[in-house]
Protein backbone atom coordinates (compact mmCIF):
# COMPACT_ATOMS: atom_id res chain seq x y z
CA MET A 1 1.18 -29.06 -15.93
CA LYS A 2 -1.15 -28.81 -12.96
CA LYS A 3 -2.20 -25.25 -12.19
CA ARG A 4 -1.09 -23.71 -8.91
CA ASN A 5 -3.92 -22.45 -6.70
CA ILE A 6 -3.59 -18.71 -6.06
CA ALA A 7 -5.77 -16.92 -3.51
CA VAL A 8 -6.18 -13.22 -4.30
CA VAL A 9 -6.95 -12.00 -0.79
CA PHE A 10 -8.95 -8.78 -0.45
CA GLY A 11 -11.40 -7.04 1.88
CA GLY A 12 -10.15 -6.26 5.35
CA TYR A 13 -11.44 -4.34 8.32
CA SER A 14 -10.89 -0.71 7.30
CA SER A 15 -12.58 1.88 5.11
CA GLU A 16 -10.27 0.77 2.30
CA ASN A 17 -12.31 -2.43 1.88
CA VAL A 18 -13.92 -1.23 -1.35
CA VAL A 19 -10.57 -0.12 -2.78
CA SER A 20 -9.17 -3.56 -1.97
CA ARG A 21 -11.90 -5.28 -3.99
CA HIS A 22 -11.03 -3.17 -7.04
CA SER A 23 -7.36 -4.10 -6.64
CA ALA A 24 -8.26 -7.79 -6.36
CA GLN A 25 -10.23 -7.62 -9.58
CA GLY A 26 -7.25 -5.96 -11.25
CA ILE A 27 -4.81 -8.60 -10.04
CA ALA A 28 -7.13 -11.43 -11.10
CA SER A 29 -7.24 -9.92 -14.59
CA PHE A 30 -3.44 -9.62 -14.72
CA LEU A 31 -2.59 -13.15 -13.53
CA ASP A 32 -1.82 -15.89 -16.05
CA ALA A 33 -4.99 -18.00 -16.04
CA GLU A 34 -3.27 -20.71 -18.08
CA ARG A 35 -0.67 -21.19 -15.35
CA TYR A 36 -2.71 -20.49 -12.21
CA ALA A 37 -6.15 -21.35 -10.82
CA ILE A 38 -7.24 -17.97 -9.47
CA TYR A 39 -9.62 -17.61 -6.51
CA LEU A 40 -10.90 -14.39 -4.94
CA VAL A 41 -10.92 -14.66 -1.14
CA ASP A 42 -12.83 -12.04 0.86
CA ILE A 43 -11.56 -11.42 4.41
CA GLU A 44 -14.16 -9.79 6.68
CA ARG A 45 -14.26 -9.60 10.48
CA ASP A 46 -17.00 -12.18 10.88
CA ARG A 47 -16.46 -14.36 7.83
CA TRP A 48 -13.78 -15.43 5.33
CA THR A 49 -15.15 -16.68 2.02
CA VAL A 50 -14.04 -17.67 -1.46
CA GLU A 51 -16.02 -16.32 -4.40
CA LEU A 52 -16.75 -18.68 -7.30
CA ASP A 53 -18.59 -17.71 -10.49
CA GLY A 54 -22.28 -18.52 -10.23
CA GLU A 55 -21.97 -19.84 -6.67
CA SER A 56 -22.80 -18.50 -3.24
CA PRO A 57 -19.69 -17.57 -1.20
CA ILE A 58 -18.02 -20.62 0.35
CA ASP A 59 -16.54 -20.41 3.84
CA ILE A 60 -12.78 -20.64 4.29
CA ASP A 61 -11.54 -23.01 7.00
CA ARG A 62 -9.22 -20.71 8.95
CA SER A 63 -7.38 -23.63 10.55
CA ASP A 64 -5.56 -24.30 7.26
CA PHE A 65 -6.87 -21.64 4.84
CA SER A 66 -8.77 -24.14 2.71
CA PHE A 67 -12.29 -24.63 1.41
CA VAL A 68 -14.38 -27.54 0.21
CA TYR A 69 -16.02 -27.53 -3.21
CA GLY A 70 -17.69 -30.47 -4.93
CA GLY A 71 -16.56 -32.75 -2.13
CA GLU A 72 -12.91 -31.82 -2.68
CA LYS A 73 -10.72 -29.92 -0.23
CA ILE A 74 -8.91 -27.07 -2.01
CA LEU A 75 -5.62 -25.80 -0.57
CA PHE A 76 -3.71 -22.76 -1.80
CA ASP A 77 -0.14 -22.67 -3.08
CA LEU A 78 0.20 -18.90 -2.57
CA ALA A 79 -1.79 -15.96 -1.23
CA TYR A 80 -1.62 -12.71 -3.16
CA ILE A 81 -2.49 -10.16 -0.47
CA THR A 82 -4.18 -7.02 -1.73
CA ILE A 83 -5.84 -5.83 1.47
CA HIS A 84 -5.21 -2.13 2.06
CA GLY A 85 -5.17 -1.63 5.82
CA ASP A 86 -5.90 -4.04 8.68
CA PRO A 87 -5.17 -7.02 8.65
CA GLY A 88 -3.32 -7.35 5.33
CA GLU A 89 -1.04 -4.34 5.37
CA ASN A 90 0.09 -4.35 9.00
CA GLY A 91 1.67 -7.81 9.28
CA ILE A 92 -1.21 -9.64 10.96
CA LEU A 93 -2.28 -11.69 7.95
CA GLN A 94 1.36 -12.29 7.06
CA GLY A 95 1.92 -13.82 10.49
CA TYR A 96 -1.10 -16.07 9.96
CA PHE A 97 0.26 -17.34 6.65
CA ASP A 98 3.73 -17.78 8.16
CA MET A 99 2.26 -20.06 10.83
CA LEU A 100 0.51 -22.13 8.15
CA GLY A 101 3.57 -22.22 5.89
CA ILE A 102 1.69 -20.64 2.98
CA PRO A 103 3.79 -18.36 0.74
CA TYR A 104 2.45 -14.87 0.09
CA SER A 105 3.12 -12.04 -2.31
CA CYS A 106 4.17 -9.11 -0.17
CA CYS A 107 6.39 -7.99 2.70
CA GLY A 108 6.77 -10.11 5.81
CA VAL A 109 5.55 -9.32 9.32
CA PHE A 110 8.31 -6.88 10.32
CA ALA A 111 8.39 -4.84 7.11
CA ALA A 112 4.59 -4.68 6.92
CA ALA A 113 4.21 -3.63 10.56
CA LEU A 114 6.96 -1.01 10.24
CA THR A 115 5.66 0.63 7.07
CA PHE A 116 2.07 0.63 8.32
CA ASN A 117 3.15 2.83 11.23
CA LYS A 118 3.90 5.97 9.23
CA PHE A 119 5.56 7.90 12.06
CA VAL A 120 7.92 5.10 13.10
CA CYS A 121 8.76 4.16 9.51
CA ASN A 122 9.69 7.70 8.54
CA ARG A 123 11.69 8.17 11.75
CA PHE A 124 13.57 4.94 10.98
CA LEU A 125 14.31 5.98 7.40
CA SER A 126 15.29 9.50 8.43
CA GLN A 127 18.06 7.92 10.51
CA LEU A 128 19.34 6.39 7.27
CA GLY A 129 19.52 9.79 5.60
CA PHE A 130 16.11 10.09 3.93
CA HIS A 131 14.44 13.50 3.97
CA VAL A 132 11.01 13.51 5.65
CA ALA A 133 8.52 16.12 6.83
CA LYS A 134 8.51 17.41 10.41
CA ALA A 135 6.07 15.26 12.38
CA LEU A 136 4.26 14.92 15.68
CA ARG A 137 2.69 11.70 16.94
CA ILE A 138 -0.35 11.96 19.19
CA GLY A 139 -0.92 8.80 21.21
CA ALA A 140 -4.26 7.03 21.51
CA GLY A 141 -6.27 8.97 24.08
CA GLU A 142 -3.59 11.65 24.39
CA GLU A 143 -4.75 15.25 24.43
CA VAL A 144 -2.82 18.07 22.80
CA THR A 145 -3.56 21.74 22.37
CA PRO A 146 -3.71 23.44 18.98
CA GLN A 147 -0.73 25.54 20.03
CA GLN A 148 1.36 22.42 20.65
CA VAL A 149 0.62 21.31 17.09
CA ALA A 150 1.52 24.75 15.74
CA ASP A 151 4.78 24.79 17.70
CA ALA A 152 5.74 21.29 16.52
CA VAL A 153 5.08 21.48 12.78
CA GLY A 154 3.55 24.88 11.93
CA PHE A 155 0.74 25.61 9.47
CA PRO A 156 -0.46 24.43 7.10
CA CYS A 157 -0.11 20.81 8.16
CA PHE A 158 -1.79 17.46 7.64
CA ILE A 159 -3.54 15.57 10.43
CA LYS A 160 -4.41 11.92 9.76
CA PRO A 161 -4.51 8.44 11.29
CA ASN A 162 -0.99 7.15 11.90
CA GLN A 163 -2.07 3.78 10.54
CA GLY A 164 -4.35 4.05 7.53
CA GLY A 165 -4.45 4.79 3.83
CA SER A 166 -6.32 6.21 0.83
CA SER A 167 -6.33 9.53 2.73
CA PHE A 168 -9.32 8.45 4.85
CA GLY A 169 -9.53 10.69 7.92
CA THR A 170 -6.93 13.10 6.52
CA THR A 171 -7.39 16.87 6.87
CA LYS A 172 -5.27 19.76 5.66
CA VAL A 173 -5.19 22.16 8.60
CA LYS A 174 -4.48 25.86 8.12
CA ASN A 175 -5.02 27.42 11.55
CA LEU A 176 -5.49 26.76 15.25
CA ASP A 177 -9.28 26.49 15.03
CA GLU A 178 -9.06 23.53 12.64
CA VAL A 179 -6.73 21.38 14.75
CA LEU A 180 -9.12 19.68 17.18
CA PRO A 181 -11.82 18.88 14.56
CA ALA A 182 -9.09 17.34 12.38
CA ILE A 183 -7.84 15.19 15.24
CA ALA A 184 -11.42 14.06 15.88
CA ALA A 185 -11.82 13.18 12.19
CA ALA A 186 -8.64 11.11 12.26
CA ARG A 187 -9.78 9.28 15.40
CA ALA A 188 -13.20 8.64 13.86
CA GLU A 189 -11.39 6.68 11.15
CA ASP A 190 -8.96 4.91 13.50
CA ASP A 191 -9.03 5.25 17.28
CA GLY A 192 -5.28 4.68 17.57
CA GLU A 193 -2.47 7.17 17.11
CA VAL A 194 -2.80 10.39 15.13
CA LEU A 195 -0.01 11.73 12.92
CA VAL A 196 0.60 15.42 12.31
CA GLU A 197 2.98 16.33 9.47
CA SER A 198 4.21 19.64 8.14
CA PHE A 199 2.97 20.69 4.71
CA LEU A 200 5.52 20.37 1.91
CA SER A 201 5.02 22.34 -1.28
CA GLY A 202 6.44 20.77 -4.41
CA THR A 203 5.97 18.13 -7.08
CA GLU A 204 4.37 14.89 -5.87
CA VAL A 205 5.74 11.70 -7.41
CA SER A 206 5.49 7.96 -6.85
CA CYS A 207 7.87 5.12 -7.68
CA GLY A 208 7.25 1.37 -7.66
CA CYS A 209 9.91 -1.23 -7.02
CA TYR A 210 10.15 -5.03 -6.87
CA LYS A 211 12.75 -7.79 -6.65
CA THR A 212 12.70 -11.23 -8.26
CA GLN A 213 15.24 -13.92 -9.05
CA SER A 214 16.36 -11.62 -11.89
CA GLY A 215 17.24 -8.79 -9.51
CA MET A 216 15.84 -5.42 -8.44
CA THR A 217 13.62 -3.35 -10.73
CA ALA A 218 12.80 0.28 -9.94
CA LEU A 219 9.97 1.37 -12.21
CA PRO A 220 9.49 4.69 -14.03
CA VAL A 221 8.35 7.55 -11.80
CA THR A 222 4.77 8.87 -11.89
CA GLU A 223 4.00 12.56 -11.40
CA VAL A 224 0.75 13.35 -9.58
CA ILE A 225 -1.18 16.57 -10.14
CA SER A 226 -4.31 16.80 -7.98
CA LYS A 227 -7.10 19.21 -8.82
CA ASN A 228 -8.15 19.06 -5.17
CA GLU A 229 -6.31 20.84 -2.39
CA PHE A 230 -4.27 17.68 -1.84
CA PHE A 231 -4.20 14.11 -3.17
CA ASP A 232 -7.22 13.00 -1.11
CA TYR A 233 -9.56 10.04 -1.55
CA GLU A 234 -11.65 11.78 -4.21
CA ALA A 235 -8.56 12.69 -6.23
CA LYS A 236 -7.10 9.19 -5.89
CA TYR A 237 -10.19 7.44 -7.20
CA THR A 238 -11.88 10.02 -9.44
CA ALA A 239 -10.14 10.35 -12.79
CA SER A 240 -11.40 13.89 -13.38
CA ARG A 241 -9.80 15.13 -10.14
CA VAL A 242 -6.21 14.07 -10.84
CA GLU A 243 -3.66 13.97 -13.63
CA GLU A 244 -1.07 11.18 -13.48
CA ILE A 245 1.91 11.47 -15.81
CA THR A 246 4.23 8.49 -16.35
CA PRO A 247 7.12 9.00 -16.79
CA ALA A 248 7.21 12.12 -14.63
CA ARG A 249 8.29 15.42 -16.13
CA ILE A 250 11.48 15.62 -14.10
CA SER A 251 15.14 15.38 -15.05
CA ASP A 252 16.79 12.05 -15.77
CA ALA A 253 19.11 12.64 -12.83
CA LEU A 254 16.21 13.23 -10.43
CA THR A 255 14.38 10.20 -11.82
CA ARG A 256 17.43 8.02 -11.14
CA GLU A 257 17.76 9.47 -7.64
CA ILE A 258 14.15 8.63 -6.78
CA GLN A 259 14.52 5.12 -8.21
CA GLU A 260 17.71 4.60 -6.20
CA LEU A 261 16.04 5.91 -3.04
CA THR A 262 13.13 3.52 -3.54
CA ALA A 263 15.47 0.56 -4.07
CA ARG A 264 17.34 1.55 -0.89
CA ILE A 265 14.08 1.64 1.05
CA TYR A 266 13.20 -1.80 -0.31
CA ASP A 267 16.45 -3.33 0.93
CA SER A 268 16.69 -1.33 4.17
CA ILE A 269 13.27 -2.47 5.35
CA GLY A 270 13.57 -5.99 3.93
CA CYS A 271 10.64 -5.82 1.54
CA LYS A 272 9.20 -8.50 -0.73
CA GLY A 273 6.88 -8.29 -3.71
CA ILE A 274 5.95 -4.91 -5.15
CA ILE A 275 6.16 -1.74 -3.07
CA ARG A 276 5.51 1.90 -3.87
CA ALA A 277 7.18 4.92 -2.30
CA ASP A 278 5.62 8.38 -2.52
CA TYR A 279 7.63 11.61 -2.44
CA ILE A 280 7.34 15.38 -2.65
CA ILE A 281 10.16 17.08 -4.55
CA VAL A 282 10.97 20.36 -2.79
CA ASP A 283 13.54 22.59 -4.51
CA GLY A 284 15.08 19.56 -6.22
CA THR A 285 15.19 17.39 -3.08
CA PRO A 286 12.88 14.33 -2.73
CA TYR A 287 11.12 14.12 0.64
CA LEU A 288 9.64 10.73 1.48
CA LEU A 289 5.92 10.79 2.26
CA GLU A 290 5.23 7.11 2.89
CA VAL A 291 5.97 3.55 1.85
CA ASN A 292 3.10 1.35 0.63
CA THR A 293 3.66 -2.41 0.74
CA THR A 294 0.30 -3.40 -0.79
CA PRO A 295 -0.12 -0.72 -3.46
CA GLY A 296 -3.32 -0.36 -5.44
CA MET A 297 -3.47 -2.68 -8.44
CA THR A 298 -6.46 -1.63 -10.49
CA VAL A 299 -5.88 -1.33 -14.23
CA THR A 300 -5.33 2.43 -13.81
CA SER A 301 -3.28 2.35 -10.58
CA PHE A 302 0.28 3.70 -10.43
CA ILE A 303 2.04 0.33 -10.57
CA PRO A 304 0.36 -0.93 -13.78
CA GLN A 305 0.99 2.50 -15.33
CA GLN A 306 4.67 2.29 -14.43
CA VAL A 307 5.00 -1.30 -15.62
CA ARG A 308 3.59 -0.32 -19.01
CA ALA A 309 5.90 2.70 -19.20
CA ALA A 310 8.85 0.38 -18.56
CA GLY A 311 7.86 -1.69 -21.59
CA LEU A 312 6.81 -4.63 -19.41
CA ASP A 313 3.44 -6.31 -18.88
CA MET A 314 1.70 -7.10 -15.63
CA LYS A 315 1.18 -10.77 -16.41
CA SER A 316 4.92 -11.37 -16.78
CA VAL A 317 5.82 -9.27 -13.75
CA LEU A 318 3.33 -11.04 -11.46
CA THR A 319 4.33 -14.45 -12.79
CA GLU A 320 7.98 -13.73 -12.03
CA LEU A 321 7.13 -12.48 -8.54
CA ILE A 322 4.99 -15.52 -7.76
CA GLU A 323 7.51 -18.00 -9.12
CA THR A 324 10.29 -16.30 -7.15
CA GLU A 325 8.33 -16.72 -3.93
CA LEU A 326 7.37 -20.32 -4.69
CA SER A 327 11.00 -21.17 -5.47
CA HIS A 328 11.94 -20.29 -1.89
CA ARG A 329 9.66 -22.98 -0.48
């Protein structure tokens, strides 16, 4: 059987570029190399390249997402998108692949664009009955006073880019004096909208979910205990700064509720591939923090942890996801 060509697409235009490379390496290690020919494709602003062992990077032809090697033109059967941030998490790259007719691993344009806008996504889901934190959106170039922030959400609160991840540009704000520097820090990371959210005190958990031809699977829940003041970039990517417990130390009933909520989010937004939803449990009630449509996929990331806890293996899960997507073409 001829191997299908799979592009593991990483990189991107945000500070999460390095995180994306780690995820790409994880995915490449999980994929079935006997079934698929696996290529790492680096997407940067000025150049798209494919990385081959022992070779200099080879340019991708953006007109059809192909490259030439040894005199042969190589086309891809599927793109596994693992860019965290622009342009792989916000729908832009998905639209590009849609125009070319190339299947891809994750949510489509609408779902990706919606979930990447944290404020709009949480407002949408709150209308469907999900509990979310109080929030204030500050438009690009809009000026607000510290008192307006205090009146809207109170202290402490979090100020961060409305479109971004890995907690880059995120500040926990405790008083009026810290508001404007936090807004500046968020805008230094992304010059678009700024999101202000009320602080929720409780147990932080995360739940992965995916759908294949076999149906919906909500994975075991992970409990997150940060040694930092909140689950910031250092805690997310420094093992000594966080404890991750899978399955979470919560009741079976609460576990089922979080899994059901995550499955509802998946269907309500129209997701594809693997997603992850993060929550804070406050007095027994799960509050949605955000939905991630291209979750981290290093060996130690939440999703691989949850897959193992479910008694599954990443190779089989990714194979089923890829074959489900290819079967639709």
